[in-house]
Amino acid sequence: MDSNPINRRTFLWIVAGTGLGLVSSGRAAGAANKAGASGSGHARSLTSGPKDYKRLVGSLEGFSAALVQEHVRIYREYYYEFERENARDRFIDLATSDSLNSNWRDHCHAWLNLRNALVLHENYFDALTPLSMDPGDRLKRALTDAFGSFDQWWVKFRATALAVQAWAALVWDEMLGRPVVIGIDNSNQWAIGSSPLLVVDMAEHAYCLDYVGRPVAYLDAWRKRVNWKVVEARLLKVARS
């Protein structure tokens, strides 16, 4: 979805320059960086249960406690539904599988959709903060290198979010070796080989209680609550790997 050419060596040099700064900012982000692990390549055990996002309820300016609480409830439902679907794997008769109507077909679709929905919701919540912060100079330089400027990235990201029904995302594309912006209407459409750096939920459950019919206002409020230190840490991790 992104056609702006980039020199991989130049980009990685810029990102690598964030290293020393992110050592300290990663510590300052503390639990927030750990919370972002599920979207950054770390193992995620179902036995650990859904993540606890109570700290966000009532603490995010621009988002009512009712909206955040309902959104977190939906995330938790995804977790338990995925847990159940994951357990069904061994009990379905594979001999009855076909491409039109079978339990195994239904399971394959449900498993992928729930798995991606779970990871994307965690990635979304992990990068929210009650604090007001601006993206650091290092992240701005990286986005400028990839998109022309930070503002150009935001215009493309917002346009993508308004064009989809599920998720808009800034991702690291392994094939292209740089950040790109993608948008999907269903969680099972996630681009293979891309690691989420920053995602926004554009499903109505994410904003309608506060911003019914006003997705642009929702996006503006969400941008003010982004934890840019988490985004920087994710970018540095995937760019180095």
Foldseek 3Di string as FASTA:
>chain_A
DADDAFDLVVLLVLLVVCVVVLVVLVVVLPVLLVLLVLLQPDDDDLVVAADDLPVVQPLQPPDHNVLVVLLVVVLNVLSVVLVVLVVCVVVADPVPDDDPDGPVNVSVVSNLQSVLSNSQSSNASSFFASDFDDADPSVQVSVCSRQVGPVRVVVVQLVQLVVEAFKWFFWQAPVSLGTDIHHYNTSNVDDPRIGGLYMDTRHCSNPCVRANVHVVSVVVSSVRGGNNSSSSVSVSSVSVD
